[in-house]
Amino acid sequence: RDVLGRFKPGIWVITLAGFLNAAGFSISLPFISLYLYQNRGLSMTAVGGIILGTGLFSAAAQAFSGVLTDRMGRRPMLLFSVSAGIIFQASMAWLVATDASIAYIVVAYAGVRACLMMGRPAMSAMIVDLAPRERLTEAYGVLRMGQNLGWAAGPAVGGYLVGSLTYGWLFTSAALMGTVTLAVVFLALRESFQGSGGQASNVR
């Protein structure tokens, strides 16, 4: 009870969203390399180039989303990134299930990675809005802990599922996880920044 009461509820909601977002991403997307190499016959050099290129694209998207977060607000940006991520994950599921063109799969993969990174500036900004200044570093640590747990849990669950599910269903499970994340953000999280003269909000 003392641990939970150390921060505003909004910080714990953001941490939960960060955990779910990372877990949903890492359930399926680390396995895209295996799919492209084993099922589609790409060389590992080509797969590495795809991962590098989409990584650079997602980094640029994250920088751009920082500007949008200040203009649109933290919560709208987070809702947008999660919603768009669900669409791209569902697209990935369909494209992989139907063995669609590799070019389309790469575009969808880039979209998923970009959406994941676009939500991070909004989460970080919410931490700044809601955390006491003297515990700001600790609050960032809590958020990072949630994200790291998601990155650890996702591949473990994905590795278990890939033994019994097709790659298409693996990406479908990631889209379902994104839907849970969207519900958490939409139902439990308010905008945390009301302008320079406003007060930080909390949860619904």
Protein backbone atom coordinates (compact mmCIF):
# COMPACT_ATOMS: atom_id res chain seq x y z
CA ARG A 1 0.00 0.00 0.00
CA ASP A 2 2.89 2.36 0.78
CA VAL A 3 4.49 1.60 -2.59
CA LEU A 4 1.29 2.22 -4.56
CA GLY A 5 0.58 5.39 -2.64
CA ARG A 6 4.00 6.82 -3.39
CA PHE A 7 2.80 8.12 -6.77
CA LYS A 8 -0.44 9.36 -8.24
CA PRO A 9 -2.63 6.63 -9.77
CA GLY A 10 -2.02 8.10 -13.22
CA ILE A 11 1.65 7.10 -13.07
CA TRP A 12 0.71 3.49 -12.36
CA VAL A 13 -1.78 3.55 -15.24
CA ILE A 14 0.92 4.88 -17.58
CA THR A 15 3.29 2.14 -16.34
CA LEU A 16 0.62 -0.50 -17.01
CA ALA A 17 0.07 0.92 -20.49
CA GLY A 18 3.84 0.85 -21.10
CA PHE A 19 3.99 -2.79 -19.98
CA LEU A 20 1.08 -3.83 -22.22
CA ASN A 21 2.39 -1.85 -25.19
CA ALA A 22 5.85 -3.41 -24.96
CA ALA A 23 4.48 -6.90 -24.36
CA GLY A 24 2.11 -6.65 -27.34
CA PHE A 25 4.92 -5.53 -29.60
CA SER A 26 7.41 -8.13 -28.44
CA ILE A 27 4.96 -11.06 -28.53
CA SER A 28 5.14 -11.14 -32.29
CA LEU A 29 7.56 -8.77 -33.95
CA PRO A 30 10.84 -10.41 -32.87
CA PHE A 31 9.61 -13.44 -34.83
CA ILE A 32 9.27 -11.48 -38.07
CA SER A 33 12.95 -12.22 -38.72
CA LEU A 34 12.31 -15.95 -38.54
CA TYR A 35 9.25 -15.64 -40.76
CA LEU A 36 11.05 -13.67 -43.46
CA TYR A 37 14.09 -15.95 -43.34
CA GLN A 38 12.49 -19.38 -42.98
CA ASN A 39 9.13 -18.94 -44.70
CA ARG A 40 9.88 -16.31 -47.32
CA GLY A 41 13.49 -17.15 -48.15
CA LEU A 42 15.12 -13.78 -47.47
CA SER A 43 18.77 -13.75 -46.49
CA MET A 44 19.64 -12.68 -42.98
CA THR A 45 21.51 -9.74 -44.50
CA ALA A 46 18.27 -8.55 -46.11
CA VAL A 47 16.35 -9.13 -42.88
CA GLY A 48 18.94 -7.11 -40.98
CA GLY A 49 18.62 -4.30 -43.50
CA ILE A 50 14.85 -4.27 -43.05
CA ILE A 51 15.20 -4.10 -39.27
CA LEU A 52 17.74 -1.29 -39.56
CA GLY A 53 15.65 0.70 -42.02
CA THR A 54 12.43 0.38 -40.04
CA GLY A 55 14.34 1.24 -36.87
CA LEU A 56 15.57 4.49 -38.39
CA PHE A 57 12.04 5.26 -39.58
CA SER A 58 10.59 4.63 -36.12
CA ALA A 59 13.25 6.88 -34.54
CA ALA A 60 12.23 9.71 -36.88
CA ALA A 61 8.57 9.06 -36.04
CA GLN A 62 9.37 9.28 -32.33
CA ALA A 63 11.05 12.66 -32.79
CA PHE A 64 8.09 13.95 -34.79
CA SER A 65 5.62 12.64 -32.22
CA GLY A 66 7.34 14.68 -29.52
CA VAL A 67 6.24 17.82 -31.37
CA LEU A 68 2.74 16.42 -31.85
CA THR A 69 2.52 15.54 -28.15
CA ASP A 70 2.97 19.20 -27.23
CA ARG A 71 0.42 20.32 -29.81
CA MET A 72 -2.22 17.61 -29.53
CA GLY A 73 -1.82 16.71 -25.88
CA ARG A 74 -0.42 13.66 -24.17
CA ARG A 75 -3.54 11.50 -24.00
CA PRO A 76 -4.70 12.13 -27.62
CA MET A 77 -1.22 11.29 -28.90
CA LEU A 78 -1.12 8.11 -26.86
CA LEU A 79 -4.59 7.09 -28.03
CA PHE A 80 -3.61 7.76 -31.63
CA SER A 81 -0.37 5.77 -31.45
CA VAL A 82 -2.02 2.76 -29.79
CA SER A 83 -5.00 2.81 -32.17
CA ALA A 84 -2.79 3.07 -35.24
CA GLY A 85 -0.59 0.29 -33.83
CA ILE A 86 -3.62 -2.01 -33.58
CA ILE A 87 -4.47 -1.34 -37.22
CA PHE A 88 -0.93 -2.08 -38.34
CA GLN A 89 -0.73 -5.22 -36.19
CA ALA A 90 -4.00 -6.50 -37.63
CA SER A 91 -2.69 -5.71 -41.10
CA MET A 92 0.48 -7.65 -40.33
CA ALA A 93 -1.61 -10.61 -39.19
CA TRP A 94 -3.57 -10.66 -42.45
CA LEU A 95 -0.54 -10.06 -44.68
CA VAL A 96 1.49 -12.80 -43.00
CA ALA A 97 -1.44 -15.24 -42.97
CA THR A 98 -1.96 -14.78 -46.70
CA ASP A 99 1.76 -14.70 -47.60
CA ALA A 100 1.29 -11.29 -49.16
CA SER A 101 4.02 -9.31 -50.89
CA ILE A 102 7.10 -8.82 -48.73
CA ALA A 103 7.01 -5.11 -49.57
CA TYR A 104 3.57 -4.77 -47.96
CA ILE A 105 4.71 -6.71 -44.91
CA VAL A 106 7.74 -4.43 -44.51
CA VAL A 107 5.51 -1.32 -44.74
CA ALA A 108 3.18 -2.71 -42.07
CA TYR A 109 6.17 -3.69 -39.92
CA ALA A 110 7.54 -0.15 -40.18
CA GLY A 111 4.12 1.18 -39.16
CA VAL A 112 3.96 -1.01 -36.07
CA ARG A 113 7.45 -0.01 -34.94
CA ALA A 114 6.72 3.67 -35.58
CA CYS A 115 3.48 3.55 -33.59
CA LEU A 116 5.22 1.91 -30.64
CA MET A 117 7.86 4.66 -30.55
CA MET A 118 5.34 7.47 -31.12
CA GLY A 119 3.66 6.68 -27.82
CA ARG A 120 6.83 7.03 -25.76
CA PRO A 121 7.14 10.86 -25.73
CA ALA A 122 3.55 11.08 -24.51
CA MET A 123 4.22 8.61 -21.68
CA SER A 124 7.39 10.40 -20.68
CA ALA A 125 5.64 13.78 -20.70
CA MET A 126 2.87 12.40 -18.51
CA ILE A 127 5.44 11.26 -15.98
CA VAL A 128 6.83 14.80 -15.85
CA ASP A 129 3.32 16.22 -15.43
CA LEU A 130 2.26 13.89 -12.63
CA ALA A 131 5.40 13.02 -10.65
CA PRO A 132 6.71 15.19 -7.80
CA ARG A 133 9.88 16.93 -8.90
CA GLU A 134 11.90 15.35 -6.10
CA ARG A 135 10.82 11.84 -7.23
CA LEU A 136 10.92 12.38 -10.98
CA THR A 137 13.87 10.05 -11.54
CA GLU A 138 12.18 7.37 -9.46
CA ALA A 139 8.95 7.77 -11.45
CA TYR A 140 10.86 7.35 -14.71
CA GLY A 141 12.39 4.21 -13.23
CA VAL A 142 8.92 2.83 -12.51
CA LEU A 143 7.84 3.47 -16.10
CA ARG A 144 11.01 1.89 -17.45
CA MET A 145 10.54 -1.10 -15.18
CA GLY A 146 7.07 -1.67 -16.61
CA GLN A 147 8.34 -1.42 -20.17
CA ASN A 148 11.25 -3.77 -19.48
CA LEU A 149 8.91 -6.32 -17.91
CA GLY A 150 6.80 -6.12 -21.06
CA TRP A 151 9.85 -6.70 -23.24
CA ALA A 152 10.73 -9.73 -21.10
CA ALA A 153 7.23 -11.21 -20.96
CA GLY A 154 6.35 -10.71 -24.63
CA PRO A 155 8.99 -12.95 -26.25
CA ALA A 156 8.41 -15.62 -23.59
CA VAL A 157 4.69 -15.72 -24.37
CA GLY A 158 5.35 -15.43 -28.10
CA GLY A 159 7.85 -18.27 -27.99
CA TYR A 160 5.26 -20.45 -26.29
CA LEU A 161 2.49 -19.50 -28.73
CA VAL A 162 4.58 -19.94 -31.87
CA GLY A 163 4.84 -23.63 -31.06
CA SER A 164 1.11 -24.07 -31.53
CA LEU A 165 -0.02 -21.07 -33.61
CA THR A 166 0.82 -19.81 -37.06
CA TYR A 167 2.68 -16.53 -37.50
CA GLY A 168 -0.58 -14.92 -38.59
CA TRP A 169 -2.26 -15.77 -35.30
CA LEU A 170 0.80 -14.56 -33.44
CA PHE A 171 0.30 -11.08 -34.90
CA THR A 172 -3.43 -11.34 -34.18
CA SER A 173 -2.64 -11.90 -30.50
CA ALA A 174 -0.46 -8.78 -30.59
CA ALA A 175 -3.37 -6.77 -32.01
CA LEU A 176 -5.60 -8.07 -29.22
CA MET A 177 -3.02 -7.01 -26.66
CA GLY A 178 -3.03 -3.57 -28.25
CA THR A 179 -6.81 -3.44 -27.83
CA VAL A 180 -6.39 -4.07 -24.11
CA THR A 181 -3.84 -1.24 -23.95
CA LEU A 182 -6.25 1.08 -25.75
CA ALA A 183 -9.02 0.25 -23.28
CA VAL A 184 -6.74 1.01 -20.32
CA VAL A 185 -5.68 4.37 -21.75
CA PHE A 186 -9.18 5.36 -22.83
CA LEU A 187 -10.97 4.34 -19.63
CA ALA A 188 -8.42 5.08 -16.91
CA LEU A 189 -6.22 7.93 -18.09
CA ARG A 190 -6.97 11.61 -18.46
CA GLU A 191 -4.98 14.35 -20.12
CA SER A 192 -2.21 15.25 -17.69
CA PHE A 193 -1.31 18.70 -18.99
CA GLN A 194 -3.75 21.59 -19.10
CA GLY A 195 -1.38 24.29 -20.28
CA SER A 196 1.21 26.35 -18.47
CA GLY A 197 -1.36 27.62 -15.98
CA GLY A 198 -3.28 24.38 -15.58
CA GLN A 199 -3.10 21.59 -13.10
CA ALA A 200 -2.11 18.03 -13.83
CA SER A 201 -5.04 15.66 -13.97
CA ASN A 202 -5.11 12.15 -12.64
CA VAL A 203 -7.22 9.16 -13.64
CA ARG A 204 -10.96 8.95 -14.30
